[in-house]
Amino acid sequence: CNILAPGGPTETGFIPSEGRSGLYTRLLPVDVMDAALLWLCSDAAAEVTAARLIGKLWDPADPNAAREDTGEAPRTL
């Protein structure tokens, strides 16, 4: 199981456009996760498990740059 998060407030329609302030004045585009999602669905990510990926940090040349976890293999308890 992997997690893919946008990396901040995202323009999804859940945050009303009127009265935005603070963090909500600069929303990420919805497609910020597209490239990372396609990579996760590809054979290139076949060995990736227990990863937390951040869409706004995605770098196709270095998928590990978007990881927000230890990168270690999951342990069996």
C-alpha atoms as a PDB file:
ATOM      1  CA  CYS A   1       0.000   0.000   0.000  1.00  0.00           C
ATOM      2  CA  ASN A   2       1.304   3.466  -0.901  1.00  0.00           C
ATOM      3  CA  ILE A   3       0.022   6.954  -0.132  1.00  0.00           C
ATOM      4  CA  LEU A   4      -0.080   9.802  -2.625  1.00  0.00           C
ATOM      5  CA  ALA A   5      -0.841  13.267  -1.228  1.00  0.00           C
ATOM      6  CA  PRO A   6      -0.930  16.564  -3.115  1.00  0.00           C
ATOM      7  CA  GLY A   7       1.321  18.360  -0.624  1.00  0.00           C
ATOM      8  CA  GLY A   8      -0.993  21.154   0.404  1.00  0.00           C
ATOM      9  CA  PRO A   9      -4.447  22.598  -0.099  1.00  0.00           C
ATOM     10  CA  THR A  10      -5.683  21.670  -3.568  1.00  0.00           C
ATOM     11  CA  GLU A  11      -8.176  23.353  -5.909  1.00  0.00           C
ATOM     12  CA  THR A  12     -10.934  20.738  -5.725  1.00  0.00           C
ATOM     13  CA  GLY A  13     -14.029  22.843  -5.207  1.00  0.00           C
ATOM     14  CA  PHE A  14     -14.282  21.961  -1.522  1.00  0.00           C
ATOM     15  CA  ILE A  15     -12.748  25.316  -0.564  1.00  0.00           C
ATOM     16  CA  PRO A  16     -15.009  28.188  -1.641  1.00  0.00           C
ATOM     17  CA  SER A  17     -13.247  30.761  -3.839  1.00  0.00           C
ATOM     18  CA  GLU A  18     -14.729  33.720  -1.982  1.00  0.00           C
ATOM     19  CA  GLY A  19     -13.110  34.666   1.298  1.00  0.00           C
ATOM     20  CA  ARG A  20      -9.908  32.637   0.837  1.00  0.00           C
ATOM     21  CA  SER A  21      -7.016  33.706   3.029  1.00  0.00           C
ATOM     22  CA  GLY A  22      -3.721  32.381   4.380  1.00  0.00           C
ATOM     23  CA  LEU A  23      -2.904  28.928   3.046  1.00  0.00           C
ATOM     24  CA  TYR A  24      -5.963  28.932   0.845  1.00  0.00           C
ATOM     25  CA  THR A  25      -4.887  31.832  -1.391  1.00  0.00           C
ATOM     26  CA  ARG A  26      -2.395  29.632  -3.279  1.00  0.00           C
ATOM     27  CA  LEU A  27      -4.038  26.299  -4.007  1.00  0.00           C
ATOM     28  CA  LEU A  28      -2.277  23.517  -5.877  1.00  0.00           C
ATOM     29  CA  PRO A  29      -3.760  22.461  -9.216  1.00  0.00           C
ATOM     30  CA  VAL A  30      -5.636  19.154  -9.140  1.00  0.00           C
ATOM     31  CA  ASP A  31      -3.268  17.634 -11.709  1.00  0.00           C
ATOM     32  CA  VAL A  32      -0.289  18.055  -9.338  1.00  0.00           C
ATOM     33  CA  MET A  33      -0.513  14.309  -8.609  1.00  0.00           C
ATOM     34  CA  ASP A  34      -1.015  13.013 -12.170  1.00  0.00           C
ATOM     35  CA  ALA A  35       2.603  12.115 -12.998  1.00  0.00           C
ATOM     36  CA  ALA A  36       3.207  10.440  -9.630  1.00  0.00           C
ATOM     37  CA  LEU A  37      -0.050   8.489  -9.920  1.00  0.00           C
ATOM     38  CA  LEU A  38       0.831   7.232 -13.394  1.00  0.00           C
ATOM     39  CA  TRP A  39       4.269   6.192 -12.133  1.00  0.00           C
ATOM     40  CA  LEU A  40       2.724   4.297  -9.193  1.00  0.00           C
ATOM     41  CA  CYS A  41       0.522   2.394 -11.662  1.00  0.00           C
ATOM     42  CA  SER A  42       3.491   1.487 -13.869  1.00  0.00           C
ATOM     43  CA  ASP A  43       5.935  -1.416 -13.727  1.00  0.00           C
ATOM     44  CA  ALA A  44       8.634   1.037 -12.580  1.00  0.00           C
ATOM     45  CA  ALA A  45       6.937   1.181  -9.172  1.00  0.00           C
ATOM     46  CA  ALA A  46       6.359  -2.573  -8.873  1.00  0.00           C
ATOM     47  CA  GLU A  47       8.791  -2.905  -5.953  1.00  0.00           C
ATOM     48  CA  VAL A  48       7.608   0.240  -4.128  1.00  0.00           C
ATOM     49  CA  THR A  49       5.535  -0.415  -1.048  1.00  0.00           C
ATOM     50  CA  ALA A  50       4.692   1.533   2.112  1.00  0.00           C
ATOM     51  CA  ALA A  51       5.758   4.788   0.445  1.00  0.00           C
ATOM     52  CA  ARG A  52       4.286   8.221   1.158  1.00  0.00           C
ATOM     53  CA  LEU A  53       4.667  10.353  -1.964  1.00  0.00           C
ATOM     54  CA  ILE A  54       4.015  14.094  -2.212  1.00  0.00           C
ATOM     55  CA  GLY A  55       2.701  15.218  -5.608  1.00  0.00           C
ATOM     56  CA  LYS A  56       4.110  18.755  -5.538  1.00  0.00           C
ATOM     57  CA  LEU A  57       7.618  17.332  -4.952  1.00  0.00           C
ATOM     58  CA  TRP A  58       7.405  14.885  -7.861  1.00  0.00           C
ATOM     59  CA  ASP A  59      10.515  14.665 -10.054  1.00  0.00           C
ATOM     60  CA  PRO A  60      10.290  12.040 -12.824  1.00  0.00           C
ATOM     61  CA  ALA A  61      14.092  11.779 -12.873  1.00  0.00           C
ATOM     62  CA  ASP A  62      14.145  10.939  -9.152  1.00  0.00           C
ATOM     63  CA  PRO A  63      10.923   9.409  -7.767  1.00  0.00           C
ATOM     64  CA  ASN A  64      12.523   9.158  -4.318  1.00  0.00           C
ATOM     65  CA  ALA A  65      12.659  12.972  -4.135  1.00  0.00           C
ATOM     66  CA  ALA A  66       8.887  12.945  -3.549  1.00  0.00           C
ATOM     67  CA  ARG A  67       9.047  10.398  -0.717  1.00  0.00           C
ATOM     68  CA  GLU A  68       8.059  11.599   2.714  1.00  0.00           C
ATOM     69  CA  ASP A  69       8.858   8.441   4.623  1.00  0.00           C
ATOM     70  CA  THR A  70      11.947   6.509   5.661  1.00  0.00           C
ATOM     71  CA  GLY A  71      12.200   4.612   2.375  1.00  0.00           C
ATOM     72  CA  GLU A  72      12.829   1.450   4.361  1.00  0.00           C
ATOM     73  CA  ALA A  73      11.045  -1.797   3.593  1.00  0.00           C
ATOM     74  CA  PRO A  74       8.008  -2.415   5.817  1.00  0.00           C
ATOM     75  CA  ARG A  75       8.576  -4.667   8.814  1.00  0.00           C
ATOM     76  CA  THR A  76       6.449  -7.654   9.676  1.00  0.00           C
ATOM     77  CA  LEU A  77       5.313  -7.641  13.290  1.00  0.00           C
END
